[in-house]
Amino acid sequence: PICQTANKYASRFTVQTGSRIQIVIAEDVEWIGAAGNYAELHVSGRSFLLREPMASLEQRFDPAKFIRIHRSRIVKSSCILELQSIENREFVVKLLDGSEHRSSRTFADRLERWLASGRT
């Protein structure tokens, strides 16, 4: 059989950039944004397009390290700098790279569980 790892989450992603295929290490991803039929993986100020829906991509990232905060956003928990409460369990999530992302009530429980856990 094919060699299987104990970790069921992806450690890397392959993305095509023109004629090149680049490797993006999952640990290096700071946030993921939906872009039509694609997802944008944001790494150190660069973004890489991956043709995969957010729902299946969410399953490939370790939930202990990545939190879905909106139907179009997944963020790396260790990159969260601050949360600004907006209204009715919604927040503006500010990341270390300076980007800001609005969370939605649909995913508020996940963000609140992460806050309560004390993990980064």
PDB file of N, CA and C in Angstrom:
ATOM      1  N   PRO A   1       0.820  -1.192   0.000  1.00  0.00           N
ATOM      2  CA  PRO A   1       0.000   0.000   0.000  1.00  0.00           C
ATOM      3  C   PRO A   1       0.870   1.264   0.000  1.00  0.00           C
ATOM      4  N   ILE A   2       0.241   2.361  -0.373  1.00  0.00           N
ATOM      5  CA  ILE A   2       0.946   3.637  -0.363  1.00  0.00           C
ATOM      6  C   ILE A   2       1.254   4.020   1.079  1.00  0.00           C
ATOM      7  N   CYS A   3       2.420   4.588   1.295  1.00  0.00           N
ATOM      8  CA  CYS A   3       2.835   5.000   2.636  1.00  0.00           C
ATOM      9  C   CYS A   3       1.840   6.013   3.196  1.00  0.00           C
ATOM     10  N   GLN A   4       1.282   5.737   4.355  1.00  0.00           N
ATOM     11  CA  GLN A   4       0.320   6.646   4.967  1.00  0.00           C
ATOM     12  C   GLN A   4       0.932   7.276   6.207  1.00  0.00           C
ATOM     13  N   THR A   5       0.586   8.532   6.434  1.00  0.00           N
ATOM     14  CA  THR A   5       1.092   9.207   7.623  1.00  0.00           C
ATOM     15  C   THR A   5       0.013   9.179   8.692  1.00  0.00           C
ATOM     16  N   ALA A   6       0.442   9.371   9.932  1.00  0.00           N
ATOM     17  CA  ALA A   6      -0.501   9.384  11.046  1.00  0.00           C
ATOM     18  C   ALA A   6      -1.352  10.648  11.000  1.00  0.00           C
ATOM     19  N   ASN A   7      -0.801  11.721  10.427  1.00  0.00           N
ATOM     20  CA  ASN A   7      -1.523  12.982  10.366  1.00  0.00           C
ATOM     21  C   ASN A   7      -2.433  13.000   9.145  1.00  0.00           C
ATOM     22  N   LYS A   8      -3.718  13.211   9.367  1.00  0.00           N
ATOM     23  CA  LYS A   8      -4.654  13.186   8.244  1.00  0.00           C
ATOM     24  C   LYS A   8      -4.775  14.535   7.540  1.00  0.00           C
ATOM     25  N   TYR A   9      -4.062  15.554   8.036  1.00  0.00           N
ATOM     26  CA  TYR A   9      -4.142  16.876   7.432  1.00  0.00           C
ATOM     27  C   TYR A   9      -2.998  17.089   6.449  1.00  0.00           C
ATOM     28  N   ALA A  10      -3.252  17.907   5.442  1.00  0.00           N
ATOM     29  CA  ALA A  10      -2.248  18.171   4.408  1.00  0.00           C
ATOM     30  C   ALA A  10      -1.058  18.909   5.008  1.00  0.00           C
ATOM     31  N   SER A  11       0.140  18.537   4.589  1.00  0.00           N
ATOM     32  CA  SER A  11       1.335  19.248   5.043  1.00  0.00           C
ATOM     33  C   SER A  11       1.802  20.229   3.966  1.00  0.00           C
ATOM     34  N   ARG A  12       1.326  19.996   2.728  1.00  0.00           N
ATOM     35  CA  ARG A  12       1.707  20.891   1.632  1.00  0.00           C
ATOM     36  C   ARG A  12       0.638  20.868   0.558  1.00  0.00           C
ATOM     37  N   PHE A  13       0.680  21.902  -0.286  1.00  0.00           N
ATOM     38  CA  PHE A  13      -0.238  22.018  -1.410  1.00  0.00           C
ATOM     39  C   PHE A  13       0.585  22.324  -2.650  1.00  0.00           C
ATOM     40  N   THR A  14       0.177  21.786  -3.774  1.00  0.00           N
ATOM     41  CA  THR A  14       0.844  22.121  -5.026  1.00  0.00           C
ATOM     42  C   THR A  14      -0.042  23.087  -5.787  1.00  0.00           C
ATOM     43  N   VAL A  15       0.550  24.187  -6.214  1.00  0.00           N
ATOM     44  CA  VAL A  15      -0.190  25.199  -6.963  1.00  0.00           C
ATOM     45  C   VAL A  15       0.549  25.494  -8.252  1.00  0.00           C
ATOM     46  N   GLN A  16      -0.204  25.634  -9.320  1.00  0.00           N
ATOM     47  CA  GLN A  16       0.396  25.911 -10.622  1.00  0.00           C
ATOM     48  C   GLN A  16       0.466  27.418 -10.826  1.00  0.00           C
ATOM     49  N   THR A  17       1.645  27.899 -11.166  1.00  0.00           N
ATOM     50  CA  THR A  17       1.865  29.314 -11.468  1.00  0.00           C
ATOM     51  C   THR A  17       2.499  29.363 -12.842  1.00  0.00           C
ATOM     52  N   GLY A  18       1.680  29.619 -13.849  1.00  0.00           N
ATOM     53  CA  GLY A  18       2.181  29.588 -15.226  1.00  0.00           C
ATOM     54  C   GLY A  18       2.622  28.183 -15.565  1.00  0.00           C
ATOM     55  N   SER A  19       3.878  28.025 -15.968  1.00  0.00           N
ATOM     56  CA  SER A  19       4.386  26.699 -16.328  1.00  0.00           C
ATOM     57  C   SER A  19       5.056  26.009 -15.139  1.00  0.00           C
ATOM     58  N   ARG A  20       5.088  26.679 -13.993  1.00  0.00           N
ATOM     59  CA  ARG A  20       5.737  26.099 -12.812  1.00  0.00           C
ATOM     60  C   ARG A  20       4.714  25.548 -11.826  1.00  0.00           C
ATOM     61  N   ILE A  21       5.126  24.518 -11.123  1.00  0.00           N
ATOM     62  CA  ILE A  21       4.314  23.983 -10.034  1.00  0.00           C
ATOM     63  C   ILE A  21       5.061  24.310  -8.751  1.00  0.00           C
ATOM     64  N   GLN A  22       4.398  25.070  -7.881  1.00  0.00           N
ATOM     65  CA  GLN A  22       5.033  25.468  -6.633  1.00  0.00           C
ATOM     66  C   GLN A  22       4.452  24.693  -5.470  1.00  0.00           C
ATOM     67  N   ILE A  23       5.278  24.504  -4.466  1.00  0.00           N
ATOM     68  CA  ILE A  23       4.862  23.824  -3.245  1.00  0.00           C
ATOM     69  C   ILE A  23       4.603  24.891  -2.184  1.00  0.00           C
ATOM     70  N   VAL A  24       3.426  24.849  -1.588  1.00  0.00           N
ATOM     71  CA  VAL A  24       3.085  25.745  -0.490  1.00  0.00           C
ATOM     72  C   VAL A  24       2.945  24.880   0.757  1.00  0.00           C
ATOM     73  N   ILE A  25       3.756  25.178   1.764  1.00  0.00           N
ATOM     74  CA  ILE A  25       3.728  24.424   3.022  1.00  0.00           C
ATOM     75  C   ILE A  25       2.517  24.891   3.846  1.00  0.00           C
ATOM     76  N   ALA A  26       1.696  23.949   4.284  1.00  0.00           N
ATOM     77  CA  ALA A  26       0.461  24.272   5.013  1.00  0.00           C
ATOM     78  C   ALA A  26       0.740  25.143   6.238  1.00  0.00           C
ATOM     79  N   GLU A  27       1.816  24.855   6.968  1.00  0.00           N
ATOM     80  CA  GLU A  27       2.176  25.620   8.170  1.00  0.00           C
ATOM     81  C   GLU A  27       2.437  27.087   7.864  1.00  0.00           C
ATOM     82  N   ASP A  28       2.858  27.406   6.628  1.00  0.00           N
ATOM     83  CA  ASP A  28       3.208  28.776   6.248  1.00  0.00           C
ATOM     84  C   ASP A  28       1.993  29.611   5.853  1.00  0.00           C
ATOM     85  N   VAL A  29       0.856  28.967   5.624  1.00  0.00           N
ATOM     86  CA  VAL A  29      -0.352  29.684   5.203  1.00  0.00           C
ATOM     87  C   VAL A  29      -0.877  30.501   6.381  1.00  0.00           C
ATOM     88  N   GLU A  30      -1.124  31.801   6.137  1.00  0.00           N
ATOM     89  CA  GLU A  30      -1.621  32.695   7.187  1.00  0.00           C
ATOM     90  C   GLU A  30      -3.140  32.803   7.157  1.00  0.00           C
ATOM     91  N   TRP A  31      -3.691  32.844   5.949  1.00  0.00           N
ATOM     92  CA  TRP A  31      -5.149  32.856   5.801  1.00  0.00           C
ATOM     93  C   TRP A  31      -5.526  32.411   4.402  1.00  0.00           C
ATOM     94  N   ILE A  32      -6.778  32.003   4.274  1.00  0.00           N
ATOM     95  CA  ILE A  32      -7.301  31.491   3.004  1.00  0.00           C
ATOM     96  C   ILE A  32      -8.581  32.261   2.707  1.00  0.00           C
ATOM     97  N   GLY A  33      -8.706  32.733   1.475  1.00  0.00           N
ATOM     98  CA  GLY A  33      -9.902  33.464   1.067  1.00  0.00           C
ATOM     99  C   GLY A  33     -10.531  32.828  -0.157  1.00  0.00           C
ATOM    100  N   ALA A  34     -11.839  32.797  -0.189  1.00  0.00           N
ATOM    101  CA  ALA A  34     -12.558  32.275  -1.353  1.00  0.00           C
ATOM    102  C   ALA A  34     -12.462  33.282  -2.489  1.00  0.00           C
ATOM    103  N   ALA A  35     -12.279  32.772  -3.696  1.00  0.00           N
ATOM    104  CA  ALA A  35     -12.208  33.615  -4.898  1.00  0.00           C
ATOM    105  C   ALA A  35     -12.894  32.872  -6.034  1.00  0.00           C
ATOM    106  N   GLY A  36     -14.208  32.941  -6.053  1.00  0.00           N
ATOM    107  CA  GLY A  36     -14.967  32.212  -7.068  1.00  0.00           C
ATOM    108  C   GLY A  36     -14.815  30.713  -6.891  1.00  0.00           C
ATOM    109  N   ASN A  37     -14.391  30.012  -7.959  1.00  0.00           N
ATOM    110  CA  ASN A  37     -14.167  28.563  -7.878  1.00  0.00           C
ATOM    111  C   ASN A  37     -12.811  28.224  -7.277  1.00  0.00           C
ATOM    112  N   TYR A  38     -12.091  29.226  -6.861  1.00  0.00           N
ATOM    113  CA  TYR A  38     -10.737  29.035  -6.332  1.00  0.00           C
ATOM    114  C   TYR A  38     -10.674  29.455  -4.873  1.00  0.00           C
ATOM    115  N   ALA A  39      -9.567  29.080  -4.251  1.00  0.00           N
ATOM    116  CA  ALA A  39      -9.231  29.578  -2.926  1.00  0.00           C
ATOM    117  C   ALA A  39      -7.850  30.210  -3.048  1.00  0.00           C
ATOM    118  N   GLU A  40      -7.659  31.320  -2.366  1.00  0.00           N
ATOM    119  CA  GLU A  40      -6.360  31.978  -2.349  1.00  0.00           C
ATOM    120  C   GLU A  40      -5.658  31.634  -1.049  1.00  0.00           C
ATOM    121  N   LEU A  41      -4.485  31.024  -1.158  1.00  0.00           N
ATOM    122  CA  LEU A  41      -3.668  30.739   0.016  1.00  0.00           C
ATOM    123  C   LEU A  41      -2.721  31.921   0.184  1.00  0.00           C
ATOM    124  N   HIS A  42      -2.778  32.589   1.331  1.00  0.00           N
ATOM    125  CA  HIS A  42      -1.939  33.765   1.571  1.00  0.00           C
ATOM    126  C   HIS A  42      -0.764  33.394   2.459  1.00  0.00           C
ATOM    127  N   VAL A  43       0.440  33.639   1.922  1.00  0.00           N
ATOM    128  CA  VAL A  43       1.689  33.262   2.590  1.00  0.00           C
ATOM    129  C   VAL A  43       2.673  34.420   2.459  1.00  0.00           C
ATOM    130  N   SER A  44       3.068  35.014   3.567  1.00  0.00           N
ATOM    131  CA  SER A  44       4.102  36.064   3.591  1.00  0.00           C
ATOM    132  C   SER A  44       3.902  37.130   2.514  1.00  0.00           C
ATOM    133  N   GLY A  45       2.703  37.656   2.420  1.00  0.00           N
ATOM    134  CA  GLY A  45       2.428  38.725   1.466  1.00  0.00           C
ATOM    135  C   GLY A  45       2.169  38.272   0.037  1.00  0.00           C
ATOM    136  N   ARG A  46       2.256  36.989  -0.228  1.00  0.00           N
ATOM    137  CA  ARG A  46       1.977  36.460  -1.572  1.00  0.00           C
ATOM    138  C   ARG A  46       0.697  35.626  -1.498  1.00  0.00           C
ATOM    139  N   SER A  47       0.033  35.480  -2.650  1.00  0.00           N
ATOM    140  CA  SER A  47      -1.140  34.614  -2.667  1.00  0.00           C
ATOM    141  C   SER A  47      -1.019  33.617  -3.814  1.00  0.00           C
ATOM    142  N   PHE A  48      -1.533  32.435  -3.576  1.00  0.00           N
ATOM    143  CA  PHE A  48      -1.486  31.340  -4.534  1.00  0.00           C
ATOM    144  C   PHE A  48      -2.899  30.822  -4.745  1.00  0.00           C
ATOM    145  N   LEU A  49      -3.288  30.675  -6.022  1.00  0.00           N
ATOM    146  CA  LEU A  49      -4.632  30.184  -6.332  1.00  0.00           C
ATOM    147  C   LEU A  49      -4.661  28.665  -6.365  1.00  0.00           C
ATOM    148  N   LEU A  50      -5.676  28.118  -5.748  1.00  0.00           N
ATOM    149  CA  LEU A  50      -5.862  26.681  -5.699  1.00  0.00           C
ATOM    150  C   LEU A  50      -7.307  26.420  -6.104  1.00  0.00           C
ATOM    151  N   ARG A  51      -7.521  25.536  -7.074  1.00  0.00           N
ATOM    152  CA  ARG A  51      -8.894  25.256  -7.515  1.00  0.00           C
ATOM    153  C   ARG A  51      -9.493  24.191  -6.599  1.00  0.00           C
ATOM    154  N   GLU A  52     -10.075  24.675  -5.515  1.00  0.00           N
ATOM    155  CA  GLU A  52     -10.694  23.778  -4.539  1.00  0.00           C
ATOM    156  C   GLU A  52     -11.694  24.582  -3.712  1.00  0.00           C
ATOM    157  N   PRO A  53     -12.875  24.023  -3.475  1.00  0.00           N
ATOM    158  CA  PRO A  53     -13.872  24.743  -2.675  1.00  0.00           C
ATOM    159  C   PRO A  53     -13.431  24.870  -1.208  1.00  0.00           C
ATOM    160  N   MET A  54     -13.899  25.915  -0.555  1.00  0.00           N
ATOM    161  CA  MET A  54     -13.528  26.175   0.843  1.00  0.00           C
ATOM    162  C   MET A  54     -13.886  25.004   1.760  1.00  0.00           C
ATOM    163  N   ALA A  55     -15.038  24.391   1.546  1.00  0.00           N
ATOM    164  CA  ALA A  55     -15.473  23.304   2.435  1.00  0.00           C
ATOM    165  C   ALA A  55     -14.487  22.137   2.424  1.00  0.00           C
ATOM    166  N   SER A  56     -14.006  21.742   1.248  1.00  0.00           N
ATOM    167  CA  SER A  56     -13.061  20.619   1.213  1.00  0.00           C
ATOM    168  C   SER A  56     -11.674  21.061   1.668  1.00  0.00           C
ATOM    169  N   LEU A  57     -11.325  22.306   1.393  1.00  0.00           N
ATOM    170  CA  LEU A  57     -10.033  22.823   1.843  1.00  0.00           C
ATOM    171  C   LEU A  57      -9.987  22.891   3.368  1.00  0.00           C
ATOM    172  N   GLU A  58     -11.090  23.283   3.964  1.00  0.00           N
ATOM    173  CA  GLU A  58     -11.171  23.349   5.423  1.00  0.00           C
ATOM    174  C   GLU A  58     -10.861  21.990   6.058  1.00  0.00           C
ATOM    175  N   GLN A  59     -11.303  20.914   5.418  1.00  0.00           N
ATOM    176  CA  GLN A  59     -11.062  19.563   5.935  1.00  0.00           C
ATOM    177  C   GLN A  59      -9.592  19.161   5.858  1.00  0.00           C
ATOM    178  N   ARG A  60      -8.835  19.815   4.986  1.00  0.00           N
ATOM    179  CA  ARG A  60      -7.424  19.463   4.796  1.00  0.00           C
ATOM    180  C   ARG A  60      -6.483  20.212   5.730  1.00  0.00           C
ATOM    181  N   PHE A  61      -7.003  21.252   6.412  1.00  0.00           N
ATOM    182  CA  PHE A  61      -6.200  22.015   7.366  1.00  0.00           C
ATOM    183  C   PHE A  61      -6.522  21.580   8.785  1.00  0.00           C
ATOM    184  N   ASP A  62      -5.506  21.502   9.638  1.00  0.00           N
ATOM    185  CA  ASP A  62      -5.655  21.075  11.022  1.00  0.00           C
ATOM    186  C   ASP A  62      -6.523  22.082  11.791  1.00  0.00           C
ATOM    187  N   PRO A  63      -7.684  21.651  12.315  1.00  0.00           N
ATOM    188  CA  PRO A  63      -8.573  22.568  13.029  1.00  0.00           C
ATOM    189  C   PRO A  63      -7.971  23.074  14.346  1.00  0.00           C
ATOM    190  N   ALA A  64      -6.902  22.452  14.827  1.00  0.00           N
ATOM    191  CA  ALA A  64      -6.221  22.949  16.020  1.00  0.00           C
ATOM    192  C   ALA A  64      -5.387  24.191  15.680  1.00  0.00           C
ATOM    193  N   LYS A  65      -5.141  24.404  14.367  1.00  0.00           N
ATOM    194  CA  LYS A  65      -4.294  25.522  13.943  1.00  0.00           C
ATOM    195  C   LYS A  65      -5.002  26.522  13.041  1.00  0.00           C
ATOM    196  N   PHE A  66      -6.096  26.102  12.412  1.00  0.00           N
ATOM    197  CA  PHE A  66      -6.818  26.963  11.479  1.00  0.00           C
ATOM    198  C   PHE A  66      -8.289  27.021  11.863  1.00  0.00           C
ATOM    199  N   ILE A  67      -8.879  28.224  11.780  1.00  0.00           N
ATOM    200  CA  ILE A  67     -10.277  28.421  12.171  1.00  0.00           C
ATOM    201  C   ILE A  67     -11.043  29.030  11.008  1.00  0.00           C
ATOM    202  N   ARG A  68     -12.150  28.421  10.690  1.00  0.00           N
ATOM    203  CA  ARG A  68     -13.033  29.023   9.685  1.00  0.00           C
ATOM    204  C   ARG A  68     -13.865  30.074  10.401  1.00  0.00           C
ATOM    205  N   ILE A  69     -13.761  31.321   9.939  1.00  0.00           N
ATOM    206  CA  ILE A  69     -14.466  32.416  10.617  1.00  0.00           C
ATOM    207  C   ILE A  69     -15.617  32.974   9.780  1.00  0.00           C
ATOM    208  N   HIS A  70     -15.667  32.563   8.510  1.00  0.00           N
ATOM    209  CA  HIS A  70     -16.672  33.084   7.574  1.00  0.00           C
ATOM    210  C   HIS A  70     -16.743  32.079   6.433  1.00  0.00           C
ATOM    211  N   ARG A  71     -17.812  32.089   5.667  1.00  0.00           N
ATOM    212  CA  ARG A  71     -17.896  31.129   4.565  1.00  0.00           C
ATOM    213  C   ARG A  71     -16.784  31.339   3.547  1.00  0.00           C
ATOM    214  N   SER A  72     -16.216  32.536   3.520  1.00  0.00           N
ATOM    215  CA  SER A  72     -15.144  32.819   2.560  1.00  0.00           C
ATOM    216  C   SER A  72     -13.778  33.031   3.208  1.00  0.00           C
ATOM    217  N   ARG A  73     -13.627  32.692   4.507  1.00  0.00           N
ATOM    218  CA  ARG A  73     -12.350  32.918   5.187  1.00  0.00           C
ATOM    219  C   ARG A  73     -11.996  31.807   6.174  1.00  0.00           C
ATOM    220  N   ILE A  74     -10.733  31.415   6.117  1.00  0.00           N
ATOM    221  CA  ILE A  74     -10.136  30.532   7.115  1.00  0.00           C
ATOM    222  C   ILE A  74      -8.855  31.240   7.546  1.00  0.00           C
ATOM    223  N   VAL A  75      -8.600  31.339   8.846  1.00  0.00           N
ATOM    224  CA  VAL A  75      -7.394  32.010   9.319  1.00  0.00           C
ATOM    225  C   VAL A  75      -6.575  31.072  10.211  1.00  0.00           C
ATOM    226  N   LYS A  76      -5.268  31.290  10.203  1.00  0.00           N
ATOM    227  CA  LYS A  76      -4.379  30.533  11.093  1.00  0.00           C
ATOM    228  C   LYS A  76      -4.469  31.183  12.466  1.00  0.00           C
ATOM    229  N   SER A  77      -4.804  30.403  13.472  1.00  0.00           N
ATOM    230  CA  SER A  77      -5.057  30.973  14.797  1.00  0.00           C
ATOM    231  C   SER A  77      -3.837  31.681  15.373  1.00  0.00           C
ATOM    232  N   SER A  78      -2.633  31.204  15.105  1.00  0.00           N
ATOM    233  CA  SER A  78      -1.437  31.849  15.655  1.00  0.00           C
ATOM    234  C   SER A  78      -1.139  33.189  14.987  1.00  0.00           C
ATOM    235  N   CYS A  79      -1.858  33.521  13.910  1.00  0.00           N
ATOM    236  CA  CYS A  79      -1.691  34.813  13.219  1.00  0.00           C
ATOM    237  C   CYS A  79      -2.690  35.856  13.698  1.00  0.00           C
ATOM    238  N   ILE A  80      -3.628  35.466  14.572  1.00  0.00           N
ATOM    239  CA  ILE A  80      -4.636  36.422  15.051  1.00  0.00           C
ATOM    240  C   ILE A  80      -3.992  37.366  16.055  1.00  0.00           C
ATOM    241  N   LEU A  81      -4.109  38.662  15.773  1.00  0.00           N
ATOM    242  CA  LEU A  81      -3.541  39.699  16.628  1.00  0.00           C
ATOM    243  C   LEU A  81      -4.599  40.272  17.562  1.00  0.00           C
ATOM    244  N   GLU A  82      -5.789  40.535  17.020  1.00  0.00           N
ATOM    245  CA  GLU A  82      -6.870  41.061  17.862  1.00  0.00           C
ATOM    246  C   GLU A  82      -8.228  40.818  17.224  1.00  0.00           C
ATOM    247  N   LEU A  83      -9.236  40.852  18.071  1.00  0.00           N
ATOM    248  CA  LEU A  83     -10.626  40.736  17.630  1.00  0.00           C
ATOM    249  C   LEU A  83     -11.341  42.008  18.058  1.00  0.00           C
ATOM    250  N   GLN A  84     -12.051  42.607  17.131  1.00  0.00           N
ATOM    251  CA  GLN A  84     -12.842  43.782  17.455  1.00  0.00           C
ATOM    252  C   GLN A  84     -14.302  43.405  17.286  1.00  0.00           C
ATOM    253  N   SER A  85     -15.039  43.490  18.373  1.00  0.00           N
ATOM    254  CA  SER A  85     -16.451  43.125  18.344  1.00  0.00           C
ATOM    255  C   SER A  85     -17.232  44.139  17.511  1.00  0.00           C
ATOM    256  N   ILE A  86     -18.054  43.644  16.591  1.00  0.00           N
ATOM    257  CA  ILE A  86     -18.869  44.534  15.763  1.00  0.00           C
ATOM    258  C   ILE A  86     -20.283  44.538  16.324  1.00  0.00           C
ATOM    259  N   GLU A  87     -20.965  43.405  16.175  1.00  0.00           N
ATOM    260  CA  GLU A  87     -22.358  43.306  16.601  1.00  0.00           C
ATOM    261  C   GLU A  87     -22.756  41.838  16.592  1.00  0.00           C
ATOM    262  N   ASN A  88     -23.664  41.491  17.473  1.00  0.00           N
ATOM    263  CA  ASN A  88     -24.309  40.182  17.424  1.00  0.00           C
ATOM    264  C   ASN A  88     -23.373  39.023  17.095  1.00  0.00           C
ATOM    265  N   ARG A  89     -22.298  38.870  17.884  1.00  0.00           N
ATOM    266  CA  ARG A  89     -21.336  37.766  17.757  1.00  0.00           C
ATOM    267  C   ARG A  89     -20.521  37.828  16.462  1.00  0.00           C
ATOM    268  N   GLU A  90     -20.380  38.986  15.878  1.00  0.00           N
ATOM    269  CA  GLU A  90     -19.518  39.167  14.711  1.00  0.00           C
ATOM    270  C   GLU A  90     -18.309  39.994  15.127  1.00  0.00           C
ATOM    271  N   PHE A  91     -17.169  39.694  14.499  1.00  0.00           N
ATOM    272  CA  PHE A  91     -15.929  40.387  14.835  1.00  0.00           C
ATOM    273  C   PHE A  91     -15.186  40.807  13.570  1.00  0.00           C
ATOM    274  N   VAL A  92     -14.314  41.803  13.729  1.00  0.00           N
ATOM    275  CA  VAL A  92     -13.278  42.051  12.742  1.00  0.00           C
ATOM    276  C   VAL A  92     -12.049  41.369  13.322  1.00  0.00           C
ATOM    277  N   VAL A  93     -11.504  40.424  12.573  1.00  0.00           N
ATOM    278  CA  VAL A  93     -10.340  39.653  13.014  1.00  0.00           C
ATOM    279  C   VAL A  93      -9.113  40.261  12.349  1.00  0.00           C
ATOM    280  N   LYS A  94      -8.219  40.825  13.161  1.00  0.00           N
ATOM    281  CA  LYS A  94      -7.008  41.445  12.626  1.00  0.00           C
ATOM    282  C   LYS A  94      -5.851  40.455  12.771  1.00  0.00           C
ATOM    283  N   LEU A  95      -5.122  40.258  11.667  1.00  0.00           N
ATOM    284  CA  LEU A  95      -4.008  39.314  11.664  1.00  0.00           C
ATOM    285  C   LEU A  95      -2.664  40.042  11.736  1.00  0.00           C
ATOM    286  N   LEU A  96      -1.625  39.298  12.045  1.00  0.00           N
ATOM    287  CA  LEU A  96      -0.274  39.850  12.167  1.00  0.00           C
ATOM    288  C   LEU A  96       0.196  40.554  10.891  1.00  0.00           C
ATOM    289  N   ASP A  97      -0.292  40.108   9.726  1.00  0.00           N
ATOM    290  CA  ASP A  97       0.130  40.730   8.460  1.00  0.00           C
ATOM    291  C   ASP A  97      -0.596  42.047   8.190  1.00  0.00           C
ATOM    292  N   GLY A  98      -1.470  42.464   9.128  1.00  0.00           N
ATOM    293  CA  GLY A  98      -2.195  43.722   8.979  1.00  0.00           C
ATOM    294  C   GLY A  98      -3.549  43.570   8.305  1.00  0.00           C
ATOM    295  N   SER A  99      -3.824  42.411   7.740  1.00  0.00           N
ATOM    296  CA  SER A  99      -5.112  42.212   7.072  1.00  0.00           C
ATOM    297  C   SER A  99      -6.232  42.084   8.102  1.00  0.00           C
ATOM    298  N   GLU A 100      -7.425  42.487   7.689  1.00  0.00           N
ATOM    299  CA  GLU A 100      -8.601  42.402   8.552  1.00  0.00           C
ATOM    300  C   GLU A 100      -9.681  41.600   7.855  1.00  0.00           C
ATOM    301  N   HIS A 101     -10.337  40.737   8.621  1.00  0.00           N
ATOM    302  CA  HIS A 101     -11.331  39.819   8.065  1.00  0.00           C
ATOM    303  C   HIS A 101     -12.547  39.823   8.971  1.00  0.00           C
ATOM    304  N   ARG A 102     -13.717  39.941   8.372  1.00  0.00           N
ATOM    305  CA  ARG A 102     -14.955  39.934   9.150  1.00  0.00           C
ATOM    306  C   ARG A 102     -15.384  38.493   9.394  1.00  0.00           C
ATOM    307  N   SER A 103     -15.699  38.192  10.640  1.00  0.00           N
ATOM    308  CA  SER A 103     -16.244  36.867  10.950  1.00  0.00           C
ATOM    309  C   SER A 103     -17.754  36.943  10.829  1.00  0.00           C
ATOM    310  N   SER A 104     -18.401  35.797  10.767  1.00  0.00           N
ATOM    311  CA  SER A 104     -19.861  35.780  10.677  1.00  0.00           C
ATOM    312  C   SER A 104     -20.442  34.993  11.846  1.00  0.00           C
ATOM    313  N   ARG A 105     -21.707  35.251  12.138  1.00  0.00           N
ATOM    314  CA  ARG A 105     -22.386  34.546  13.241  1.00  0.00           C
ATOM    315  C   ARG A 105     -22.394  33.040  13.009  1.00  0.00           C
ATOM    316  N   THR A 106     -22.477  32.626  11.750  1.00  0.00           N
ATOM    317  CA  THR A 106     -22.506  31.196  11.425  1.00  0.00           C
ATOM    318  C   THR A 106     -21.310  30.459  12.027  1.00  0.00           C
ATOM    319  N   PHE A 107     -20.142  31.118  12.029  1.00  0.00           N
ATOM    320  CA  PHE A 107     -18.923  30.480  12.515  1.00  0.00           C
ATOM    321  C   PHE A 107     -18.468  31.032  13.865  1.00  0.00           C
ATOM    322  N   ALA A 108     -19.329  31.786  14.549  1.00  0.00           N
ATOM    323  CA  ALA A 108     -18.982  32.413  15.828  1.00  0.00           C
ATOM    324  C   ALA A 108     -18.603  31.383  16.890  1.00  0.00           C
ATOM    325  N   ASP A 109     -19.278  30.241  16.917  1.00  0.00           N
ATOM    326  CA  ASP A 109     -18.979  29.218  17.923  1.00  0.00           C
ATOM    327  C   ASP A 109     -17.529  28.757  17.831  1.00  0.00           C
ATOM    328  N   ARG A 110     -17.023  28.610  16.618  1.00  0.00           N
ATOM    329  CA  ARG A 110     -15.639  28.151  16.438  1.00  0.00           C
ATOM    330  C   ARG A 110     -14.649  29.168  16.995  1.00  0.00           C
ATOM    331  N   LEU A 111     -14.903  30.435  16.718  1.00  0.00           N
ATOM    332  CA  LEU A 111     -14.027  31.494  17.199  1.00  0.00           C
ATOM    333  C   LEU A 111     -14.100  31.594  18.725  1.00  0.00           C
ATOM    334  N   GLU A 112     -15.291  31.478  19.276  1.00  0.00           N
ATOM    335  CA  GLU A 112     -15.466  31.546  20.724  1.00  0.00           C
ATOM    336  C   GLU A 112     -14.830  30.345  21.428  1.00  0.00           C
ATOM    337  N   ARG A 113     -14.926  29.159  20.827  1.00  0.00           N
ATOM    338  CA  ARG A 113     -14.257  27.975  21.401  1.00  0.00           C
ATOM    339  C   ARG A 113     -12.754  28.169  21.418  1.00  0.00           C
ATOM    340  N   TRP A 114     -12.220  28.733  20.328  1.00  0.00           N
ATOM    341  CA  TRP A 114     -10.773  28.980  20.257  1.00  0.00           C
ATOM    342  C   TRP A 114     -10.360  29.975  21.337  1.00  0.00           C
ATOM    343  N   LEU A 115     -11.131  31.056  21.503  1.00  0.00           N
ATOM    344  CA  LEU A 115     -10.820  32.053  22.538  1.00  0.00           C
ATOM    345  C   LEU A 115     -10.820  31.418  23.928  1.00  0.00           C
ATOM    346  N   ALA A 116     -11.829  30.596  24.194  1.00  0.00           N
ATOM    347  CA  ALA A 116     -11.956  29.950  25.500  1.00  0.00           C
ATOM    348  C   ALA A 116     -10.844  28.939  25.766  1.00  0.00           C
ATOM    349  N   SER A 117     -10.291  28.350  24.692  1.00  0.00           N
ATOM    350  CA  SER A 117      -9.273  27.303  24.855  1.00  0.00           C
ATOM    351  C   SER A 117      -7.932  27.856  25.311  1.00  0.00           C
ATOM    352  N   GLY A 118      -7.679  29.141  25.024  1.00  0.00           N
ATOM    353  CA  GLY A 118      -6.396  29.733  25.402  1.00  0.00           C
ATOM    354  C   GLY A 118      -5.250  29.327  24.500  1.00  0.00           C
ATOM    355  N   ARG A 119      -5.540  28.619  23.406  1.00  0.00           N
ATOM    356  CA  ARG A 119      -4.484  28.179  22.469  1.00  0.00           C
ATOM    357  C   ARG A 119      -4.167  29.281  21.483  1.00  0.00           C
ATOM    358  N   THR A 120      -2.963  29.191  20.896  1.00  0.00           N
ATOM    359  CA  THR A 120      -2.608  30.144  19.821  1.00  0.00           C
ATOM    360  C   THR A 120      -2.719  29.466  18.496  1.00  0.00           C
TER     361      THR A 120
END
